[in-house]
Amino acid sequence: MEGRRVVGKDAGALFYPTAPHSCPPRLLAQRQQHSFGLHGVACVGTEAHLSLCSLEFYRANDTTRCPGGAPAVVSCVPGPLYAASSGQRKQQQSKPQGETRVRLKGGAHPGEGRVEVLKASTWGTICDRKWDLQAASVVCRELGFGSAREALSGARMGQGMGAIHLSEVRCSGQEPSLWKCPHKNITAEDCSHSQDAGVRCNLPYTGVETKIRLSGGRSQHEGRVEVQIGGPGSLRWGLICGDDWGTLEAMVVCRQLGLGYANHGLQETWYWDSGNITEVVMSGVRCTGSELSLDQCAHHGTHIACKRTGTRFTAGVICSETASDLLLHSALVQETAYIEDRPLHMLYCAAEENCLARSARSANWPYGHRRLLRFSSQIHNLGRADFRPKAGRHSWVWHECHGHYHSMDIFTHYDILTPNGTKVAEGHKASFCLEDTECQEDVSKRYECANFGEQGITVGCWDLYRHDIDCQWIDITDVKPGNYILQVVINPNFEVAESDFTNNAMKCNCKYDGHRIWVHNCHIGDAFSEEANRKFERYPGQTSNQVI
């Protein structure tokens, strides 16, 4: 995207990098001497490649140099994903733009994924009936990529959840938006998520994968991370400090190398030989997980500060082409929420597992009670790989009181927030039993906790935490009446890799009058439009909490 593509008006394609001068591209092209291979190039604009356009070849002995014309110069504008830096990306985002109504989910690489569209403030998928390359190209161009390389059917990029908005989309390829193409509105009975449409877009070559490499691993998908630094004539390879290195940073490395998702981000790599590379050249790396390359992440710059020195404590990754993707069934939370005043003598086990508010420690045990906001949560795996706990079964912790194994320290966070985001109560759910409660019709259960069985959630299955299970609550004993936000976050510490972390949080409006509670407007964090989210944060008719 940084270079320019030069195409003769009656000529073939030539490519050259951005030149360090201020001469206008067309004047530069006129000064240079070119030989042409093509002329009479006429494109409709929907072609995936120049070779698909109508064109003619110059004959080998033709000495004419483009009579009556000159090489045409095309300057490409970077799409949103290819902003040169995070600063430029923020600047682009701050410009007033129309709301995005198309997105890609579940793809292992940039420019690919399940196509989802926004309708009536709700994201939904597209049925793959009559889905073709022309429609896929409209999606790719709308998102700032090139034309489509492949139109995918049969939920090749994983199944969505919820609404299916469109079917039989028929595009000419010239439309500025998928919504401009003729289509049918359908109901869930007409099409299933096993028919979700996807795309793979043609992407510009950026060369970012040449600035990084993996070494010492058992395969090309794993190893110690090495980065290239320095300028022309002084380039060298070095290692990254392992301090605070985690899943989000590993995701960026795997994406930059074109290796898909991160299974693990490792802070110790002593078991992988680094060869002759021993110098640590980067530290303090902190990524959001959405960057295209490590140089877009925050880090210490030229100053290296590493708490643990030596090649033993340098960053490593294990990448995979597939990953899990957890999604909470938000409607069930809304339907099952209620308040229970539970006697203290029934809460000893919960207190042992730190599932009550701090004030419970000074309560008059076993007399009195705690007020609990209870609800059921159903967590689906919509990804393309099973969700497995980070720790192996050899390190699971047995809890005698409840009679079960913990395979993760924290699986879910529950919070009660004021409308301005201040936390007033919290809860958590340890993954005491991560298993397949139910599955889609064509999927078999694989994980069951009984008898020290394997824990996990199979693709196409979901784990149900019932409202009547210990710790499936928030202790709201100390919460005053008012209007609040209920927030649930799955896999909050990114302990297990997923293909998409943006859909791990759910929010609900919550009104508490001191006796009863109303939970409504529950939605996944990225499920609503920007405008709907802005209205949600302000809370209808509410500026501050007041006692009712």
Protein backbone atom coordinates (compact mmCIF):
# COMPACT_ATOMS: atom_id res chain seq x y z
CA MET A 1 0.00 0.00 0.00
CA GLU A 2 2.97 2.29 0.48
CA GLY A 3 4.08 1.84 -3.14
CA ARG A 4 2.36 2.94 -6.33
CA ARG A 5 1.12 0.80 -9.15
CA VAL A 6 1.94 2.22 -12.60
CA VAL A 7 -0.27 1.06 -15.43
CA GLY A 8 0.10 2.38 -18.94
CA LYS A 9 -2.97 3.82 -20.58
CA ASP A 10 -2.19 1.40 -23.36
CA ALA A 11 0.34 -0.53 -21.36
CA GLY A 12 1.01 -3.37 -18.95
CA ALA A 13 1.55 -3.22 -15.20
CA LEU A 14 4.77 -1.95 -13.66
CA PHE A 15 5.55 -1.73 -9.94
CA TYR A 16 8.06 0.44 -8.10
CA PRO A 17 8.49 1.59 -4.50
CA THR A 18 7.74 5.09 -3.29
CA ALA A 19 10.56 7.32 -4.53
CA PRO A 20 12.23 9.84 -2.15
CA HIS A 21 11.34 12.94 -4.18
CA SER A 22 8.54 15.43 -4.61
CA CYS A 23 8.10 15.08 -8.38
CA PRO A 24 4.44 14.41 -9.26
CA PRO A 25 4.00 10.75 -10.25
CA ARG A 26 2.73 11.48 -13.78
CA LEU A 27 5.64 13.83 -14.58
CA LEU A 28 8.03 11.23 -13.25
CA ALA A 29 6.44 8.56 -15.40
CA GLN A 30 6.74 10.76 -18.50
CA ARG A 31 10.46 11.36 -17.88
CA GLN A 32 11.30 7.68 -17.55
CA GLN A 33 11.72 5.36 -20.51
CA HIS A 34 9.38 2.39 -20.38
CA SER A 35 8.82 -0.65 -22.51
CA PHE A 36 5.23 -1.77 -22.69
CA GLY A 37 3.77 -5.24 -22.79
CA LEU A 38 0.04 -4.42 -22.95
CA HIS A 39 -2.30 -1.83 -24.41
CA GLY A 40 -6.01 -1.29 -24.79
CA VAL A 41 -6.63 -2.39 -21.20
CA ALA A 42 -10.35 -1.99 -20.42
CA CYS A 43 -11.67 -3.09 -17.04
CA VAL A 44 -15.20 -3.11 -15.73
CA GLY A 45 -13.86 -2.62 -12.22
CA THR A 46 -15.09 -5.86 -10.70
CA GLU A 47 -12.19 -8.03 -11.87
CA ALA A 48 -10.07 -9.75 -9.24
CA HIS A 49 -6.92 -9.27 -11.32
CA LEU A 50 -5.75 -7.12 -14.25
CA SER A 51 -5.36 -10.21 -16.42
CA LEU A 52 -9.14 -10.70 -16.31
CA CYS A 53 -9.72 -7.34 -18.07
CA SER A 54 -10.03 -6.92 -21.81
CA LEU A 55 -6.51 -6.16 -23.15
CA GLU A 56 -4.09 -6.58 -26.04
CA PHE A 57 -0.42 -7.59 -26.08
CA TYR A 58 2.31 -5.64 -27.85
CA ARG A 59 4.13 -7.79 -30.39
CA ALA A 60 7.73 -8.66 -29.59
CA ASN A 61 9.15 -6.63 -32.52
CA ASP A 62 6.90 -3.59 -31.95
CA THR A 63 9.07 -0.48 -31.50
CA THR A 64 6.24 2.01 -30.91
CA ARG A 65 6.27 3.54 -27.45
CA CYS A 66 2.62 4.15 -26.49
CA PRO A 67 1.78 6.69 -29.23
CA GLY A 68 -0.46 9.49 -28.05
CA GLY A 69 -0.26 8.50 -24.41
CA ALA A 70 1.96 7.94 -21.40
CA PRO A 71 2.08 5.46 -18.54
CA ALA A 72 -0.89 5.97 -16.26
CA VAL A 73 -0.10 6.30 -12.56
CA VAL A 74 -2.38 4.85 -9.90
CA SER A 75 -1.90 5.95 -6.30
CA CYS A 76 -3.59 3.59 -3.82
CA VAL A 77 -5.22 4.84 -0.64
CA PRO A 78 -4.60 2.61 2.41
CA GLY A 79 -7.70 0.94 3.84
CA PRO A 80 -8.47 1.26 7.57
CA LEU A 81 -6.46 -1.83 8.45
CA TYR A 82 -3.31 -0.59 6.74
CA ALA A 83 -2.80 2.77 8.41
CA ALA A 84 0.97 3.24 8.69
CA SER A 85 0.87 3.66 12.47
CA SER A 86 -1.51 3.50 15.39
CA GLY A 87 -1.48 7.29 15.47
CA GLN A 88 -2.64 7.49 11.88
CA ARG A 89 -5.24 4.84 12.62
CA LYS A 90 -6.60 6.87 15.53
CA GLN A 91 -6.68 9.95 13.32
CA GLN A 92 -8.70 8.08 10.71
CA GLN A 93 -11.10 6.81 13.35
CA SER A 94 -11.67 10.32 14.68
CA LYS A 95 -12.90 11.55 11.32
CA PRO A 96 -16.68 11.62 10.94
CA GLN A 97 -17.61 8.54 8.97
CA GLY A 98 -20.71 6.50 8.34
CA GLU A 99 -21.21 3.62 10.71
CA THR A 100 -19.63 0.33 9.62
CA ARG A 101 -22.33 -2.07 8.55
CA VAL A 102 -20.15 -5.00 7.41
CA ARG A 103 -17.42 -6.89 9.28
CA LEU A 104 -15.45 -10.15 9.12
CA LYS A 105 -15.29 -12.64 12.00
CA GLY A 106 -13.49 -15.94 12.59
CA GLY A 107 -10.73 -15.60 9.98
CA ALA A 108 -7.18 -16.72 10.81
CA HIS A 109 -5.65 -14.00 8.62
CA PRO A 110 -6.41 -10.34 7.82
CA GLY A 111 -9.01 -9.92 5.09
CA GLU A 112 -10.80 -13.22 5.63
CA GLY A 113 -13.68 -14.39 7.76
CA ARG A 114 -17.38 -14.95 8.18
CA VAL A 115 -19.34 -12.01 6.76
CA GLU A 116 -21.58 -10.27 9.28
CA VAL A 117 -23.86 -7.30 8.57
CA LEU A 118 -25.56 -4.77 10.84
CA LYS A 119 -29.33 -4.45 10.67
CA ALA A 120 -31.61 -2.75 13.21
CA SER A 121 -28.66 -2.35 15.62
CA THR A 122 -28.01 -6.12 15.56
CA TRP A 123 -25.20 -8.01 13.84
CA GLY A 124 -26.15 -11.08 11.82
CA THR A 125 -24.75 -13.43 9.18
CA ILE A 126 -25.49 -14.03 5.48
CA CYS A 127 -26.89 -17.22 4.02
CA ASP A 128 -24.59 -18.66 1.36
CA ARG A 129 -27.31 -19.25 -1.24
CA LYS A 130 -26.10 -17.76 -4.55
CA TRP A 131 -23.06 -16.32 -2.74
CA ASP A 132 -20.35 -15.66 -5.37
CA LEU A 133 -17.09 -13.84 -6.10
CA GLN A 134 -18.84 -10.63 -7.17
CA ALA A 135 -20.67 -10.29 -3.85
CA ALA A 136 -17.52 -11.24 -1.94
CA SER A 137 -15.55 -8.55 -3.83
CA VAL A 138 -18.06 -5.89 -2.80
CA VAL A 139 -17.49 -6.89 0.85
CA CYS A 140 -13.71 -6.79 0.47
CA ARG A 141 -13.69 -3.35 -1.18
CA GLU A 142 -16.15 -1.97 1.35
CA LEU A 143 -13.74 -2.99 4.13
CA GLY A 144 -10.75 -1.37 2.43
CA PHE A 145 -9.16 -4.47 0.89
CA GLY A 146 -8.74 -5.44 -2.75
CA SER A 147 -11.17 -7.65 -4.61
CA ALA A 148 -12.12 -11.10 -3.33
CA ARG A 149 -9.86 -14.08 -3.84
CA GLU A 150 -12.47 -16.58 -2.72
CA ALA A 151 -16.18 -16.66 -1.83
CA LEU A 152 -16.68 -19.18 0.98
CA SER A 153 -19.83 -21.15 1.76
CA GLY A 154 -20.85 -23.79 4.29
CA ALA A 155 -19.62 -21.84 7.37
CA ARG A 156 -15.98 -22.38 6.37
CA MET A 157 -15.06 -19.57 8.79
CA GLY A 158 -17.12 -20.92 11.67
CA GLN A 159 -20.81 -20.58 12.48
CA GLY A 160 -22.33 -17.37 13.73
CA MET A 161 -24.97 -17.05 16.41
CA GLY A 162 -28.23 -15.17 16.44
CA ALA A 163 -29.78 -13.52 13.40
CA ILE A 164 -29.28 -14.40 9.73
CA HIS A 165 -30.08 -11.16 7.93
CA LEU A 166 -29.63 -11.77 4.20
CA SER A 167 -29.97 -14.50 1.59
CA GLU A 168 -29.52 -14.80 -2.19
CA VAL A 169 -27.31 -11.70 -2.39
CA ARG A 170 -26.74 -10.84 -6.07
CA CYS A 171 -24.09 -8.21 -6.80
CA SER A 172 -22.69 -6.97 -10.09
CA GLY A 173 -19.44 -6.21 -8.27
CA GLN A 174 -19.60 -2.44 -8.76
CA GLU A 175 -21.77 -1.63 -5.74
CA PRO A 176 -20.18 0.54 -3.02
CA SER A 177 -21.82 -1.54 -0.29
CA LEU A 178 -23.27 -5.00 0.11
CA TRP A 179 -26.53 -3.37 1.15
CA LYS A 180 -26.82 -1.89 -2.38
CA CYS A 181 -26.97 -5.39 -3.88
CA PRO A 182 -30.34 -7.08 -4.47
CA HIS A 183 -31.04 -9.58 -1.69
CA LYS A 184 -33.74 -11.34 0.25
CA ASN A 185 -34.58 -10.83 3.90
CA ILE A 186 -35.04 -14.19 5.56
CA THR A 187 -36.03 -15.78 8.84
CA ALA A 188 -34.08 -18.36 10.83
CA GLU A 189 -36.31 -21.10 9.42
CA ASP A 190 -35.13 -20.42 5.87
CA CYS A 191 -31.42 -20.92 6.50
CA SER A 192 -29.15 -22.20 9.27
CA HIS A 193 -25.76 -21.02 10.51
CA SER A 194 -24.19 -24.07 8.89
CA GLN A 195 -24.70 -22.07 5.66
CA ASP A 196 -22.97 -18.86 6.80
CA ALA A 197 -21.10 -17.08 3.98
CA GLY A 198 -17.48 -15.96 4.20
CA VAL A 199 -14.74 -14.34 2.11
CA ARG A 200 -11.00 -14.28 1.50
CA CYS A 201 -9.83 -10.95 0.14
CA ASN A 202 -6.82 -10.10 -2.01
CA LEU A 203 -4.39 -8.17 0.20
CA PRO A 204 -1.54 -5.79 -0.63
CA TYR A 205 1.99 -6.97 0.01
CA THR A 206 3.42 -5.09 2.97
CA GLY A 207 6.52 -7.12 3.77
CA VAL A 208 5.88 -7.04 7.54
CA GLU A 209 6.56 -10.78 7.79
CA THR A 210 10.22 -10.22 6.85
CA LYS A 211 10.82 -8.14 10.01
CA ILE A 212 10.21 -11.04 12.39
CA ARG A 213 10.92 -14.77 12.61
CA LEU A 214 10.68 -17.78 14.93
CA SER A 215 13.65 -19.94 15.89
CA GLY A 216 14.26 -23.17 17.78
CA GLY A 217 10.74 -24.58 17.58
CA ARG A 218 9.75 -28.07 16.53
CA SER A 219 7.82 -26.66 13.56
CA GLN A 220 7.40 -23.40 11.69
CA HIS A 221 4.40 -22.58 13.92
CA GLU A 222 6.38 -22.21 17.14
CA GLY A 223 9.62 -20.83 18.48
CA ARG A 224 11.45 -18.00 20.16
CA VAL A 225 10.52 -14.63 18.66
CA GLU A 226 13.31 -12.73 16.89
CA VAL A 227 12.87 -9.21 15.48
CA GLN A 228 14.94 -7.22 13.01
CA ILE A 229 16.11 -3.76 14.02
CA GLY A 230 18.46 -1.11 12.66
CA GLY A 231 18.71 0.76 9.39
CA PRO A 232 20.23 -0.01 5.98
CA GLY A 233 23.70 -1.46 6.37
CA SER A 234 23.29 -2.12 10.10
CA LEU A 235 20.37 -4.55 10.29
CA ARG A 236 20.55 -7.16 13.03
CA TRP A 237 18.32 -9.73 14.69
CA GLY A 238 17.53 -9.79 18.40
CA LEU A 239 15.25 -11.27 21.06
CA ILE A 240 12.29 -9.87 23.00
CA CYS A 241 12.17 -9.66 26.80
CA GLY A 242 9.60 -12.10 28.19
CA ASP A 243 8.32 -9.77 30.94
CA ASP A 244 4.52 -9.43 30.71
CA TRP A 245 4.49 -11.22 27.35
CA GLY A 246 1.12 -12.92 26.84
CA THR A 247 -1.61 -14.10 24.51
CA LEU A 248 -2.38 -10.67 22.99
CA GLU A 249 1.26 -10.07 22.03
CA ALA A 250 1.55 -13.60 20.67
CA MET A 251 -1.57 -13.03 18.55
CA VAL A 252 0.14 -10.12 16.80
CA VAL A 253 3.27 -12.19 16.10
CA CYS A 254 1.27 -15.06 14.60
CA ARG A 255 -0.75 -12.62 12.48
CA GLN A 256 2.38 -10.82 11.27
CA LEU A 257 3.95 -14.12 10.20
CA GLY A 258 0.74 -15.31 8.51
CA LEU A 259 0.50 -18.27 10.90
CA GLY A 260 -3.04 -17.68 12.15
CA TYR A 261 -3.83 -17.44 15.87
CA ALA A 262 -1.74 -17.73 19.01
CA ASN A 263 -2.18 -20.86 21.09
CA HIS A 264 0.31 -19.65 23.70
CA GLY A 265 2.44 -16.64 24.50
CA LEU A 266 5.49 -17.88 26.41
CA GLN A 267 7.70 -15.90 28.81
CA GLU A 268 10.36 -18.58 29.11
CA THR A 269 11.97 -20.26 26.10
CA TRP A 270 15.05 -21.96 27.55
CA TYR A 271 14.03 -25.24 25.86
CA TRP A 272 14.32 -23.64 22.40
CA ASP A 273 17.84 -23.09 21.12
CA SER A 274 18.37 -19.51 19.94
CA GLY A 275 21.54 -20.28 18.02
CA ASN A 276 23.85 -17.29 17.81
CA ILE A 277 21.16 -14.73 18.68
CA THR A 278 21.58 -13.71 22.33
CA GLU A 279 20.92 -9.95 22.43
CA VAL A 280 17.59 -8.67 23.78
CA VAL A 281 16.59 -5.72 21.59
CA MET A 282 12.97 -5.10 22.63
CA SER A 283 11.17 -4.94 25.97
CA GLY A 284 7.93 -3.73 27.50
CA VAL A 285 5.85 -4.93 24.56
CA ARG A 286 2.11 -4.36 25.14
CA CYS A 287 -0.42 -5.07 22.38
CA THR A 288 -4.19 -4.79 22.15
CA GLY A 289 -4.19 -7.90 19.93
CA SER A 290 -5.55 -6.16 16.81
CA GLU A 291 -2.23 -4.83 15.45
CA LEU A 292 -0.83 -6.09 12.15
CA SER A 293 2.78 -6.07 13.36
CA LEU A 294 4.75 -5.73 16.58
CA ASP A 295 6.06 -2.28 15.68
CA GLN A 296 2.48 -1.00 16.06
CA CYS A 297 2.44 -2.17 19.70
CA ALA A 298 3.67 -0.07 22.60
CA HIS A 299 7.19 -0.93 23.83
CA HIS A 300 10.18 0.67 25.53
CA GLY A 301 11.82 1.81 22.29
CA THR A 302 15.63 1.81 22.28
CA HIS A 303 15.74 1.62 26.09
CA ILE A 304 15.74 -2.03 27.21
CA ALA A 305 14.39 -2.75 30.67
CA CYS A 306 14.07 -6.44 31.55
CA LYS A 307 13.42 -7.75 35.06
CA ARG A 308 14.73 -11.22 34.20
CA THR A 309 17.79 -11.19 31.97
CA GLY A 310 19.26 -13.88 29.76
CA THR A 311 17.94 -15.83 26.79
CA ARG A 312 16.07 -18.16 29.16
CA PHE A 313 13.45 -15.45 29.78
CA THR A 314 12.73 -14.28 26.25
CA ALA A 315 9.40 -14.28 24.41
CA GLY A 316 8.10 -17.20 22.40
CA VAL A 317 4.88 -18.23 20.66
CA ILE A 318 2.98 -21.28 19.51
CA CYS A 319 0.65 -20.51 16.59
CA SER A 320 -2.32 -22.38 15.14
CA GLU A 321 -4.57 -22.03 12.11
CA THR A 322 -7.66 -22.54 14.27
CA ALA A 323 -8.86 -21.25 17.64
CA SER A 324 -11.89 -21.35 19.90
CA ASP A 325 -14.33 -18.45 20.24
CA LEU A 326 -16.56 -18.20 23.31
CA LEU A 327 -19.82 -16.28 23.27
CA LEU A 328 -22.29 -15.79 26.11
CA HIS A 329 -26.00 -16.26 25.44
CA SER A 330 -26.99 -12.80 26.70
CA ALA A 331 -30.76 -13.31 26.48
CA LEU A 332 -30.60 -16.16 29.01
CA VAL A 333 -28.92 -13.89 31.58
CA GLN A 334 -31.76 -11.41 31.20
CA GLU A 335 -34.44 -14.11 31.45
CA THR A 336 -33.07 -15.83 34.55
CA ALA A 337 -31.83 -12.95 36.76
CA TYR A 338 -33.35 -12.68 40.24
CA ILE A 339 -32.45 -11.83 43.86
CA GLU A 340 -32.00 -14.41 46.62
CA ASP A 341 -31.44 -13.74 50.32
CA ARG A 342 -29.30 -16.76 51.23
CA PRO A 343 -28.62 -17.70 54.88
CA LEU A 344 -24.99 -17.50 55.95
CA HIS A 345 -24.96 -21.06 57.26
CA MET A 346 -25.42 -22.21 53.62
CA LEU A 347 -22.47 -20.16 52.32
CA TYR A 348 -19.40 -21.65 54.02
CA CYS A 349 -18.13 -23.28 50.83
CA ALA A 350 -18.74 -20.11 48.83
CA ALA A 351 -16.83 -18.07 51.40
CA GLU A 352 -13.94 -20.53 51.18
CA GLU A 353 -13.77 -19.95 47.42
CA ASN A 354 -13.94 -16.16 47.86
CA CYS A 355 -17.33 -15.80 46.17
CA LEU A 356 -18.75 -13.26 48.62
CA ALA A 357 -18.14 -9.55 49.15
CA ARG A 358 -15.44 -8.49 51.63
CA SER A 359 -17.99 -7.41 54.19
CA ALA A 360 -19.05 -11.06 54.59
CA ARG A 361 -15.83 -11.68 56.56
CA SER A 362 -17.08 -9.50 59.41
CA ALA A 363 -20.62 -10.91 59.36
CA ASN A 364 -22.07 -12.68 62.40
CA TRP A 365 -21.64 -16.25 61.10
CA PRO A 366 -23.70 -18.40 60.90
CA TYR A 367 -26.52 -15.92 61.56
CA GLY A 368 -27.91 -13.49 59.02
CA HIS A 369 -27.89 -13.69 55.23
CA ARG A 370 -26.28 -12.32 52.06
CA ARG A 371 -28.24 -10.79 49.17
CA LEU A 372 -27.24 -12.39 45.87
CA LEU A 373 -27.99 -11.46 42.26
CA ARG A 374 -28.27 -14.85 40.57
CA PHE A 375 -28.59 -15.78 36.89
CA SER A 376 -27.78 -18.60 34.49
CA SER A 377 -25.04 -18.30 31.89
CA GLN A 378 -24.78 -20.37 28.75
CA ILE A 379 -21.39 -20.13 27.03
CA HIS A 380 -21.12 -21.27 23.41
CA ASN A 381 -17.98 -22.16 21.49
CA LEU A 382 -18.45 -20.72 17.98
CA GLY A 383 -14.79 -21.09 16.97
CA ARG A 384 -12.99 -23.70 14.90
CA ALA A 385 -11.13 -25.41 17.76
CA ASP A 386 -12.19 -26.78 21.15
CA PHE A 387 -11.81 -24.51 24.17
CA ARG A 388 -9.45 -26.23 26.61
CA PRO A 389 -8.16 -25.00 29.99
CA LYS A 390 -4.63 -23.62 29.89
CA ALA A 391 -3.46 -25.88 32.70
CA GLY A 392 -3.14 -29.63 32.16
CA ARG A 393 -5.08 -31.98 34.40
CA HIS A 394 -1.95 -32.75 36.43
CA SER A 395 -2.11 -29.19 37.84
CA TRP A 396 -5.87 -28.95 38.45
CA VAL A 397 -6.75 -28.15 42.07
CA TRP A 398 -9.16 -30.33 44.03
CA HIS A 399 -11.68 -28.45 46.18
CA GLU A 400 -12.94 -30.72 48.92
CA CYS A 401 -15.80 -28.47 49.99
CA HIS A 402 -17.59 -28.54 46.64
CA GLY A 403 -16.06 -31.83 45.53
CA HIS A 404 -14.67 -30.72 42.16
CA TYR A 405 -11.48 -29.76 40.31
CA HIS A 406 -10.61 -26.21 39.30
CA SER A 407 -8.97 -26.12 35.89
CA MET A 408 -8.71 -22.30 35.63
CA ASP A 409 -8.28 -19.70 38.37
CA ILE A 410 -10.84 -17.34 36.84
CA PHE A 411 -13.15 -18.32 34.00
CA THR A 412 -15.65 -15.45 34.20
CA HIS A 413 -15.84 -12.05 35.91
CA TYR A 414 -19.16 -10.61 37.08
CA ASP A 415 -19.39 -6.89 37.92
CA ILE A 416 -22.04 -4.35 38.94
CA LEU A 417 -21.04 -0.90 37.64
CA THR A 418 -22.49 2.58 37.98
CA PRO A 419 -23.45 4.25 34.66
CA ASN A 420 -20.07 6.03 34.67
CA GLY A 421 -18.20 2.74 35.05
CA THR A 422 -17.40 2.67 38.78
CA LYS A 423 -17.46 -0.87 40.20
CA VAL A 424 -19.73 -1.32 43.23
CA ALA A 425 -19.88 -5.14 43.42
CA GLU A 426 -18.10 -8.06 41.80
CA GLY A 427 -18.12 -11.81 41.50
CA HIS A 428 -16.15 -14.45 39.66
CA LYS A 429 -16.58 -17.95 38.39
CA ALA A 430 -13.76 -20.44 38.64
CA SER A 431 -13.94 -23.09 35.94
CA PHE A 432 -14.82 -25.84 38.35
CA CYS A 433 -16.50 -27.92 35.68
CA LEU A 434 -15.92 -26.93 32.08
CA GLU A 435 -17.91 -29.40 30.00
CA ASP A 436 -20.32 -29.92 27.11
CA THR A 437 -23.77 -29.49 28.65
CA GLU A 438 -25.52 -29.54 25.26
CA CYS A 439 -24.50 -29.49 21.58
CA GLN A 440 -25.94 -28.78 18.17
CA GLU A 441 -27.74 -31.69 16.52
CA ASP A 442 -24.78 -32.83 14.41
CA VAL A 443 -22.16 -32.48 17.18
CA SER A 444 -21.25 -35.06 19.84
CA LYS A 445 -20.20 -34.21 23.40
CA ARG A 446 -16.51 -34.72 24.14
CA TYR A 447 -15.96 -33.27 27.60
CA GLU A 448 -17.49 -34.35 30.91
CA CYS A 449 -16.17 -33.48 34.37
CA ALA A 450 -17.42 -36.53 36.24
CA ASN A 451 -14.80 -39.00 37.50
CA PHE A 452 -11.91 -36.61 36.81
CA GLY A 453 -12.84 -36.45 33.13
CA GLU A 454 -11.39 -34.07 30.57
CA GLN A 455 -12.61 -30.48 30.69
CA GLY A 456 -13.39 -28.21 27.74
CA ILE A 457 -16.09 -26.98 25.36
CA THR A 458 -16.37 -28.63 21.94
CA VAL A 459 -16.96 -26.53 18.82
CA GLY A 460 -20.74 -26.33 18.40
CA CYS A 461 -21.45 -27.07 22.08
CA TRP A 462 -22.11 -24.93 25.13
CA ASP A 463 -21.50 -25.09 28.86
CA LEU A 464 -24.43 -24.11 31.08
CA TYR A 465 -23.84 -22.65 34.55
CA ARG A 466 -27.25 -22.81 36.23
CA HIS A 467 -28.44 -19.99 38.46
CA ASP A 468 -28.61 -22.34 41.48
CA ILE A 469 -24.92 -23.31 41.42
CA ASP A 470 -22.59 -21.90 44.09
CA CYS A 471 -20.72 -18.73 43.02
CA GLN A 472 -23.01 -18.21 40.02
CA TRP A 473 -23.92 -14.83 41.48
CA ILE A 474 -22.85 -11.36 42.55
CA ASP A 475 -23.03 -10.50 46.24
CA ILE A 476 -25.02 -7.21 46.23
CA THR A 477 -25.63 -7.01 49.98
CA ASP A 478 -23.84 -3.63 50.17
CA VAL A 479 -25.26 -2.16 46.94
CA LYS A 480 -27.61 0.80 47.35
CA PRO A 481 -30.80 1.12 45.27
CA GLY A 482 -30.26 2.76 41.89
CA ASN A 483 -29.56 2.20 38.21
CA TYR A 484 -26.53 0.10 37.29
CA ILE A 485 -24.82 -1.92 34.57
CA LEU A 486 -24.36 -5.67 34.92
CA GLN A 487 -21.18 -6.77 33.10
CA VAL A 488 -20.03 -10.35 32.46
CA VAL A 489 -16.60 -11.04 30.94
CA ILE A 490 -15.54 -14.53 29.81
CA ASN A 491 -11.87 -15.55 29.89
CA PRO A 492 -11.01 -12.11 31.32
CA ASN A 493 -7.27 -12.68 31.69
CA PHE A 494 -6.88 -14.08 28.15
CA GLU A 495 -5.56 -17.30 29.68
CA VAL A 496 -6.82 -19.33 26.72
CA ALA A 497 -6.38 -18.16 23.14
CA GLU A 498 -9.48 -17.29 21.13
CA SER A 499 -9.97 -16.08 17.59
CA ASP A 500 -11.97 -13.08 18.82
CA PHE A 501 -11.82 -11.42 22.25
CA THR A 502 -14.10 -8.49 21.30
CA ASN A 503 -17.22 -10.60 21.92
CA ASN A 504 -16.22 -11.86 25.38
CA ALA A 505 -18.02 -9.12 27.34
CA MET A 506 -21.75 -8.73 27.91
CA LYS A 507 -23.57 -5.70 29.36
CA CYS A 508 -27.08 -5.27 30.71
CA ASN A 509 -29.01 -2.33 32.13
CA CYS A 510 -29.92 -3.09 35.71
CA LYS A 511 -32.39 -1.30 38.02
CA TYR A 512 -32.46 -2.12 41.74
CA ASP A 513 -35.06 -0.69 44.14
CA GLY A 514 -33.77 -2.34 47.29
CA HIS A 515 -36.18 -5.27 47.04
CA ARG A 516 -36.36 -6.31 43.39
CA ILE A 517 -34.07 -6.07 40.40
CA TRP A 518 -34.83 -5.58 36.69
CA VAL A 519 -32.22 -6.71 34.16
CA HIS A 520 -32.84 -5.66 30.56
CA ASN A 521 -31.16 -4.60 27.30
CA CYS A 522 -28.53 -7.35 27.60
CA HIS A 523 -26.12 -7.49 24.68
CA ILE A 524 -22.63 -8.62 23.79
CA GLY A 525 -20.07 -5.82 23.87
CA ASP A 526 -19.73 -5.55 20.09
CA ALA A 527 -23.27 -6.61 19.24
CA PHE A 528 -24.88 -3.18 19.15
CA SER A 529 -24.23 -0.32 16.79
CA GLU A 530 -22.08 2.59 17.97
CA GLU A 531 -25.15 4.79 18.33
CA ALA A 532 -27.00 2.19 20.41
CA ASN A 533 -23.97 1.75 22.66
CA ARG A 534 -23.76 5.50 23.24
CA LYS A 535 -27.42 5.54 24.30
CA PHE A 536 -26.84 2.51 26.49
CA GLU A 537 -23.92 4.10 28.36
CA ARG A 538 -25.97 7.18 29.20
CA TYR A 539 -28.73 4.99 30.64
CA PRO A 540 -32.22 6.19 29.64
CA GLY A 541 -33.40 9.05 31.87
CA GLN A 542 -30.54 8.56 34.30
CA THR A 543 -27.56 10.81 35.06
CA SER A 544 -26.69 9.68 38.57
CA ASN A 545 -27.81 7.06 41.06
CA GLN A 546 -30.64 8.09 43.32
CA VAL A 547 -32.27 6.23 46.15
CA ILE A 548 -35.74 5.12 45.10
